């Protein structure tokens, strides 16, 4: 089977590398390629994307802006993207199946589907229009995401979404037939993300993720300020400077450690007593799954996308998104070594059963085999 994987619009392998996520994102497709499928990455990178061939293994890389001129202006780049399927005919005609890595940019393989008569899989790590509603985005953004999603879902042969909640949302708001939508969980490489024989700091809390509004980090900092614990934050994003100033001005015991490569995270997770994710909205957060795979006790907000992963008191601890509730959770979990040990062991077992890479690869193969 020849599979063409289309990157998110404006995303390259270099960007994946710079965000420290290349190993995690490539793992599924590298395994498929090693098992005999011909996988091609269509990226929005230039010649520098070829530098990551070793990390991609037998996956073929087609950096579209190594073959075409890359417009400098963002609007021109967007308009130019509609011409790409017409201009890279030989490369686009080669795959048997097209698949998007995310929703944004789905118009490129969507056009190619009709030009070259190939089936299309639309993958959504999270449902974009649902996210826009939950985060109360500007109406223009909501309108654009709605119509982009509507068109993408209706031209797709299969829609892959990471949660049952997302599936039901697509059915309700876009009137898509249920048989067309497949729920496929995010995966974890459980042979890399696993408990390690190293001492955990019982007085330190870890957060890993983007420094963005939906992660609710200022509220987390307000809660941590009322405890004797230290918070370490791994990740980058638009709120970095504001968070740095807030920590300094309020004398909070917290460190912003910046972006780290995904390959470095197993050892990082294993250093901490607790992982916390107090988000306002989520799809299926990969960092939460990775922390659980490492046997870390986890605290997460009681919202869709997290409460379908964490079973309160069994595989983790749930709290609301306000400061007081986060504080209660920290005070319940952090000093209780027996509870932390029990939650961490159950979390690891859950990930092995439900989110292993082997299980997801089998589901992926079944989708390819059954696509019309």
Protein backbone atom coordinates (compact mmCIF):
# COMPACT_ATOMS: atom_id res chain seq x y z
CA UNK A 1 0.00 0.00 0.00
CA UNK A 2 1.28 3.47 -0.92
CA UNK A 3 0.23 6.12 1.60
CA UNK A 4 0.67 9.86 1.08
CA UNK A 5 0.65 11.73 4.41
CA UNK A 6 -0.04 15.46 4.10
CA UNK A 7 1.34 17.69 6.82
CA UNK A 8 -0.62 20.45 8.50
CA UNK A 9 -0.55 23.60 6.37
CA UNK A 10 2.70 25.55 6.84
CA UNK A 11 4.27 22.70 8.83
CA UNK A 12 7.58 21.08 7.97
CA UNK A 13 9.81 18.38 9.42
CA UNK A 14 12.10 21.17 10.57
CA UNK A 15 9.22 22.67 12.55
CA UNK A 16 8.47 19.27 14.09
CA UNK A 17 12.13 19.04 15.04
CA UNK A 18 12.24 22.55 16.48
CA UNK A 19 9.17 21.81 18.61
CA UNK A 20 10.79 18.60 19.85
CA UNK A 21 8.01 16.41 18.46
CA UNK A 22 9.53 14.77 15.38
CA UNK A 23 10.26 11.38 17.00
CA UNK A 24 6.74 11.09 18.38
CA UNK A 25 4.99 12.14 15.17
CA UNK A 26 7.12 10.01 12.84
CA UNK A 27 6.93 6.77 14.90
CA UNK A 28 3.68 5.41 13.42
CA UNK A 29 4.63 6.00 9.80
CA UNK A 30 8.19 4.81 10.23
CA UNK A 31 6.89 1.50 11.59
CA UNK A 32 4.43 1.16 8.70
CA UNK A 33 7.21 1.83 6.20
CA UNK A 34 9.50 -0.70 7.91
CA UNK A 35 6.72 -3.27 7.60
CA UNK A 36 6.45 -2.84 3.83
CA UNK A 37 4.07 0.07 3.19
CA UNK A 38 5.40 2.86 0.96
CA UNK A 39 4.89 6.04 2.98
CA UNK A 40 5.50 9.55 1.62
CA UNK A 41 5.51 12.73 3.70
CA UNK A 42 4.25 15.80 1.82
CA UNK A 43 5.62 18.65 3.93
CA UNK A 44 5.59 22.44 3.67
CA UNK A 45 9.34 22.50 4.14
CA UNK A 46 12.23 23.38 1.85
CA UNK A 47 15.48 21.50 1.18
CA UNK A 48 16.28 21.50 4.92
CA UNK A 49 13.60 18.85 5.45
CA UNK A 50 15.88 16.32 3.75
CA UNK A 51 18.18 16.67 6.79
CA UNK A 52 15.67 14.58 8.78
CA UNK A 53 15.70 11.54 6.49
CA UNK A 54 17.56 9.43 9.06
CA UNK A 55 14.87 10.08 11.69
CA UNK A 56 12.17 9.21 9.15
CA UNK A 57 13.85 5.93 8.17
CA UNK A 58 12.36 4.42 4.97
CA UNK A 59 9.65 7.10 4.73
CA UNK A 60 10.05 9.18 1.55
CA UNK A 61 10.15 12.94 2.06
CA UNK A 62 8.65 15.38 -0.45
CA UNK A 63 9.24 18.95 0.82
CA UNK A 64 6.86 20.84 -1.43
CA UNK A 65 8.73 24.12 -1.12
CA UNK A 66 11.94 22.44 -2.22
CA UNK A 67 10.16 21.86 -5.52
CA UNK A 68 8.08 25.05 -5.72
CA UNK A 69 8.55 28.70 -4.87
CA UNK A 70 7.43 29.53 -1.34
CA UNK A 71 5.52 32.83 -1.27
CA UNK A 72 6.68 35.10 1.54
CA UNK A 73 3.31 36.63 2.42
CA UNK A 74 1.02 34.36 4.46
CA UNK A 75 -2.10 35.15 2.39
CA UNK A 76 -0.26 34.44 -0.85
CA UNK A 77 1.07 31.20 0.62
CA UNK A 78 -2.47 30.16 1.48
CA UNK A 79 -3.78 30.96 -2.01
CA UNK A 80 -0.74 29.35 -3.62
CA UNK A 81 -1.41 26.08 -1.75
CA UNK A 82 -4.53 25.52 -3.88
CA UNK A 83 -2.28 25.22 -6.96
CA UNK A 84 0.13 22.65 -5.51
CA UNK A 85 -1.84 19.51 -6.52
CA UNK A 86 -1.83 20.71 -10.12
CA UNK A 87 1.89 21.42 -10.18
CA UNK A 88 3.32 18.32 -8.47
CA UNK A 89 1.44 15.85 -10.63
CA UNK A 90 3.95 12.99 -10.59
CA UNK A 91 4.40 13.01 -6.80
CA UNK A 92 0.70 13.42 -6.05
CA UNK A 93 -0.37 10.67 -8.44
CA UNK A 94 1.89 8.04 -6.83
CA UNK A 95 0.10 7.17 -3.53
CA UNK A 96 -2.84 4.75 -3.35
CA UNK A 97 -4.34 6.64 -0.37
CA UNK A 98 -4.13 10.21 0.85
CA UNK A 99 -4.18 11.00 4.57
CA UNK A 100 -4.00 14.30 6.43
CA UNK A 101 -1.96 14.51 9.61
CA UNK A 102 -4.39 17.16 10.91
CA UNK A 103 -7.43 19.04 9.60
CA UNK A 104 -5.72 22.36 8.78
CA UNK A 105 -4.56 22.18 5.18
CA UNK A 106 -6.97 19.42 4.16
CA UNK A 107 -7.88 21.35 0.98
CA UNK A 108 -4.59 20.29 -0.66
CA UNK A 109 -5.19 16.49 -0.59
CA UNK A 110 -8.89 17.25 -1.06
CA UNK A 111 -8.18 18.80 -4.47
CA UNK A 112 -5.75 15.98 -5.27
CA UNK A 113 -8.45 13.41 -4.44
CA UNK A 114 -10.55 14.63 -7.37
CA UNK A 115 -7.62 15.16 -9.73
CA UNK A 116 -6.05 11.74 -9.24
CA UNK A 117 -9.06 9.67 -8.08
CA UNK A 118 -7.59 8.55 -4.75
CA UNK A 119 -9.42 7.85 -1.46
CA UNK A 120 -8.89 10.39 1.31
CA UNK A 121 -8.56 9.88 5.06
CA UNK A 122 -9.10 13.03 7.12
CA UNK A 123 -7.41 12.72 10.50
CA UNK A 124 -8.30 15.11 13.33
CA UNK A 125 -6.25 15.02 16.51
CA UNK A 126 -8.98 17.32 17.81
CA UNK A 127 -12.12 18.74 16.24
CA UNK A 128 -11.20 22.25 15.11
CA UNK A 129 -14.66 23.83 15.06
CA UNK A 130 -15.45 22.41 18.51
CA UNK A 131 -12.21 23.93 19.79
CA UNK A 132 -13.15 27.31 18.29
CA UNK A 133 -16.51 27.22 20.09
CA UNK A 134 -15.04 26.16 23.43
CA UNK A 135 -12.32 28.84 23.34
CA UNK A 136 -14.81 31.51 22.19
CA UNK A 137 -12.75 32.42 19.16
CA UNK A 138 -13.72 35.36 16.88
CA UNK A 139 -16.78 34.70 14.72
CA UNK A 140 -14.75 34.90 11.51
CA UNK A 141 -12.47 32.12 12.69
CA UNK A 142 -15.46 30.01 13.75
CA UNK A 143 -17.11 30.52 10.38
CA UNK A 144 -13.97 29.59 8.46
CA UNK A 145 -13.27 26.47 10.55
CA UNK A 146 -16.89 25.36 10.22
CA UNK A 147 -16.93 25.49 6.43
CA UNK A 148 -13.42 24.05 6.13
CA UNK A 149 -14.46 21.14 8.33
CA UNK A 150 -17.81 20.69 6.60
CA UNK A 151 -16.21 20.44 3.16
CA UNK A 152 -13.35 18.23 4.36
CA UNK A 153 -15.64 15.77 6.15
CA UNK A 154 -17.99 15.41 3.21
CA UNK A 155 -15.28 14.77 0.62
CA UNK A 156 -13.39 12.35 2.90
CA UNK A 157 -13.81 8.62 2.48
CA UNK A 158 -12.90 8.06 6.15
CA UNK A 159 -12.67 10.46 9.09
CA UNK A 160 -10.34 9.51 11.95
CA UNK A 161 -10.86 11.30 15.28
CA UNK A 162 -9.11 10.61 18.57
CA UNK A 163 -12.16 10.62 20.88
CA UNK A 164 -15.73 9.35 20.96
CA UNK A 165 -16.78 12.86 22.00
CA UNK A 166 -15.28 14.23 18.78
CA UNK A 167 -17.08 11.60 16.75
CA UNK A 168 -20.45 12.51 18.24
CA UNK A 169 -19.74 16.22 17.66
CA UNK A 170 -19.00 15.62 13.96
CA UNK A 171 -22.19 13.59 13.57
CA UNK A 172 -24.29 16.28 15.23
CA UNK A 173 -22.89 19.45 13.68
CA UNK A 174 -21.88 18.20 10.23
CA UNK A 175 -24.46 15.44 9.63
CA UNK A 176 -21.80 12.93 8.64
CA UNK A 177 -22.83 9.24 8.49
CA UNK A 178 -21.56 7.37 11.55
CA UNK A 179 -20.03 4.55 9.51
CA UNK A 180 -17.64 7.04 7.95
CA UNK A 181 -16.11 8.11 11.29
CA UNK A 182 -13.49 5.98 13.06
CA UNK A 183 -12.25 6.60 16.60
CA UNK A 184 -8.52 5.97 16.86
CA UNK A 185 -6.76 6.91 20.09
CA UNK A 186 -3.46 8.72 20.16
CA UNK A 187 -0.58 6.34 20.71
CA UNK A 188 2.44 6.12 22.99
CA UNK A 189 5.67 4.27 22.31
CA UNK A 190 5.47 2.21 25.49
CA UNK A 191 8.92 0.72 24.96
CA UNK A 192 10.39 4.25 25.27
CA UNK A 193 7.91 5.85 27.65
CA UNK A 194 8.06 3.55 30.64
CA UNK A 195 8.92 3.64 34.35
CA UNK A 196 12.67 3.94 34.92
CA UNK A 197 14.73 3.00 37.93
CA UNK A 198 15.49 6.52 39.10
CA UNK A 199 14.53 8.58 42.12
CA UNK A 200 11.42 10.74 41.78
CA UNK A 201 11.31 14.16 43.44
CA UNK A 202 8.19 13.96 45.60
CA UNK A 203 8.17 17.76 46.02
CA UNK A 204 8.22 18.65 42.31
CA UNK A 205 5.32 18.93 39.85
CA UNK A 206 5.67 18.66 36.07
CA UNK A 207 3.68 20.22 33.24
CA UNK A 208 4.52 19.47 29.60
CA UNK A 209 2.70 21.23 26.79
CA UNK A 210 2.19 24.41 24.80
CA UNK A 211 2.25 27.71 26.65
CA UNK A 212 -1.16 28.80 25.43
CA UNK A 213 -4.39 30.11 26.93
CA UNK A 214 -6.23 26.79 26.82
CA UNK A 215 -3.64 25.16 29.11
CA UNK A 216 -4.79 27.32 32.06
CA UNK A 217 -1.24 27.92 33.32
CA UNK A 218 -1.81 31.16 35.22
CA UNK A 219 -4.44 29.45 37.36
CA UNK A 220 -2.04 26.56 37.95
CA UNK A 221 0.65 29.02 39.06
CA UNK A 222 -1.79 30.65 41.50
CA UNK A 223 -2.49 27.24 43.03
CA UNK A 224 1.19 26.23 43.23
CA UNK A 225 2.00 29.53 44.97
CA UNK A 226 0.00 28.29 47.99
CA UNK A 227 2.02 25.08 48.31
CA UNK A 228 5.62 24.24 49.25
CA UNK A 229 6.10 22.50 45.90
CA UNK A 230 8.12 23.44 42.82
CA UNK A 231 6.52 23.47 39.36
CA UNK A 232 8.61 22.79 36.26
CA UNK A 233 7.08 23.70 32.90
CA UNK A 234 8.36 22.11 29.69
CA UNK A 235 7.21 23.61 26.40
CA UNK A 236 7.06 26.77 24.34
CA UNK A 237 4.36 29.10 23.15
CA UNK A 238 3.01 32.62 22.91
CA UNK A 239 2.58 33.07 26.66
CA UNK A 240 6.23 32.49 27.55
CA UNK A 241 7.11 36.12 28.31
CA UNK A 242 3.90 36.79 30.27
CA UNK A 243 4.38 33.62 32.30
CA UNK A 244 8.01 34.53 33.02
CA UNK A 245 6.99 37.96 34.29
CA UNK A 246 4.09 36.54 36.34
CA UNK A 247 6.37 34.01 38.06
CA UNK A 248 8.92 36.68 38.92
CA UNK A 249 6.42 39.32 40.06
CA UNK A 250 4.57 36.90 42.34
CA UNK A 251 7.63 35.04 43.63
CA UNK A 252 6.26 31.65 42.55
CA UNK A 253 8.39 28.52 42.79
CA UNK A 254 8.28 27.63 39.11
CA UNK A 255 10.73 27.16 36.25
CA UNK A 256 10.11 27.49 32.52
CA UNK A 257 12.45 24.90 30.99
CA UNK A 258 11.62 25.61 27.35
CA UNK A 259 11.10 23.09 24.58
CA UNK A 260 12.68 19.66 24.85
CA UNK A 261 12.97 16.91 22.26
CA UNK A 262 10.40 14.16 22.63
CA UNK A 263 13.28 11.67 22.89
CA UNK A 264 14.41 13.39 26.11
CA UNK A 265 10.99 13.26 27.79
CA UNK A 266 10.97 9.69 29.20
CA UNK A 267 13.79 10.56 31.59
CA UNK A 268 12.18 13.92 32.39
CA UNK A 269 8.82 12.37 33.33
CA UNK A 270 10.55 9.85 35.56
CA UNK A 271 12.13 12.56 37.72
CA UNK A 272 8.85 13.93 39.07
CA UNK A 273 6.34 13.07 41.76
CA UNK A 274 3.28 14.23 39.83
CA UNK A 275 2.30 15.38 36.33
CA UNK A 276 -0.50 17.93 36.01
CA UNK A 277 -2.64 19.11 33.09
CA UNK A 278 -5.23 21.71 34.19
CA UNK A 279 -6.46 22.54 30.67
CA UNK A 280 -9.66 24.38 29.77
CA UNK A 281 -10.15 22.20 26.66
CA UNK A 282 -8.36 19.24 25.10
CA UNK A 283 -8.60 16.65 22.36
CA UNK A 284 -6.58 13.66 23.53
CA UNK A 285 -3.38 15.13 25.02
CA UNK A 286 -0.31 13.12 24.11
CA UNK A 287 1.77 14.43 26.99
CA UNK A 288 -0.80 13.11 29.47
CA UNK A 289 -0.60 9.67 27.84
CA UNK A 290 3.21 9.78 27.91
CA UNK A 291 3.28 10.70 31.59
CA UNK A 292 0.89 7.86 32.41
CA UNK A 293 3.00 5.44 30.35
CA UNK A 294 5.98 6.40 32.52
CA UNK A 295 4.01 5.36 35.59
CA UNK A 296 3.55 8.91 36.80
CA UNK A 297 0.54 9.80 38.95
CA UNK A 298 -1.40 12.40 36.99
CA UNK A 299 -3.77 15.23 37.87
CA UNK A 300 -6.04 16.52 35.11
CA UNK A 301 -8.98 18.85 34.76
CA UNK A 302 -12.41 17.23 34.70
CA UNK A 303 -13.17 18.14 31.08
CA UNK A 304 -13.91 16.25 27.88
CA UNK A 305 -10.64 14.96 26.47
CA UNK A 306 -9.13 14.32 29.89
CA UNK A 307 -11.90 12.73 31.94
CA UNK A 308 -12.31 10.05 29.29
CA UNK A 309 -8.66 9.07 29.92
CA UNK A 310 -8.36 9.54 33.68
CA UNK A 311 -10.66 7.51 35.89
CA UNK A 312 -10.77 9.55 39.08
CA UNK A 313 -9.10 7.79 41.99
CA UNK A 314 -8.12 4.81 39.81
CA UNK A 315 -5.78 5.90 36.99
CA UNK A 316 -5.36 9.50 38.09
CA UNK A 317 -6.97 12.40 39.91
CA UNK A 318 -9.49 14.85 38.45
CA UNK A 319 -10.13 18.45 39.48
CA UNK A 320 -12.02 21.44 38.16
CA UNK A 321 -10.20 24.22 36.30
CA UNK A 322 -10.35 26.80 39.11
CA UNK A 323 -7.51 27.61 41.50
CA UNK A 324 -9.18 26.18 44.62
CA UNK A 325 -9.91 22.80 43.05
CA UNK A 326 -6.39 22.48 41.61
CA UNK A 327 -5.01 23.27 45.06
CA UNK A 328 -7.19 20.58 46.68
CA UNK A 329 -5.90 18.04 44.14
CA UNK A 330 -2.26 18.94 44.77
CA UNK A 331 -2.72 18.68 48.52
CA UNK A 332 -4.44 15.31 48.14
CA UNK A 333 -1.93 13.67 45.82
CA UNK A 334 1.50 15.19 46.45
CA UNK A 335 2.05 14.16 50.11
CA UNK A 336 0.41 10.72 49.77
CA UNK A 337 3.11 8.31 48.59
CA UNK A 338 0.83 5.27 48.70
CA UNK A 339 -1.76 7.01 46.51
CA UNK A 340 0.86 8.23 44.04
CA UNK A 341 2.31 4.74 43.69
CA UNK A 342 -1.10 3.15 43.15
CA UNK A 343 -2.23 5.74 40.61
CA UNK A 344 1.04 5.51 38.69
CA UNK A 345 0.92 1.71 38.39
CA UNK A 346 -2.71 1.78 37.22
CA UNK A 347 -1.93 4.55 34.72
CA UNK A 348 0.86 2.50 33.13
CA UNK A 349 -1.37 -0.57 32.86
CA UNK A 350 -4.13 1.48 31.21
CA UNK A 351 -1.75 2.89 28.58
CA UNK A 352 -0.30 -0.53 27.75
CA UNK A 353 -3.80 -1.89 27.20
CA UNK A 354 -5.37 0.99 25.27
CA UNK A 355 -2.79 3.33 23.74
CA UNK A 356 0.24 1.27 22.70
CA UNK A 357 1.76 1.90 19.27
CA UNK A 358 1.24 -1.74 18.31
CA UNK A 359 -2.51 -1.49 18.90
CA UNK A 360 -2.84 1.71 16.88
CA UNK A 361 -0.79 0.33 13.97
CA UNK A 362 -3.20 -2.60 13.74
CA UNK A 363 -6.16 -0.19 13.62
CA UNK A 364 -4.37 1.87 10.96
CA UNK A 365 -3.85 -1.18 8.76
CA UNK A 366 -7.52 -2.13 9.07
CA UNK A 367 -8.55 1.35 7.89
CA UNK A 368 -6.30 1.07 4.84
CA UNK A 369 -7.56 -2.41 4.03
CA UNK A 370 -11.24 -1.44 4.23
CA UNK A 371 -11.18 1.96 2.55
CA UNK A 372 -13.28 2.13 -0.62
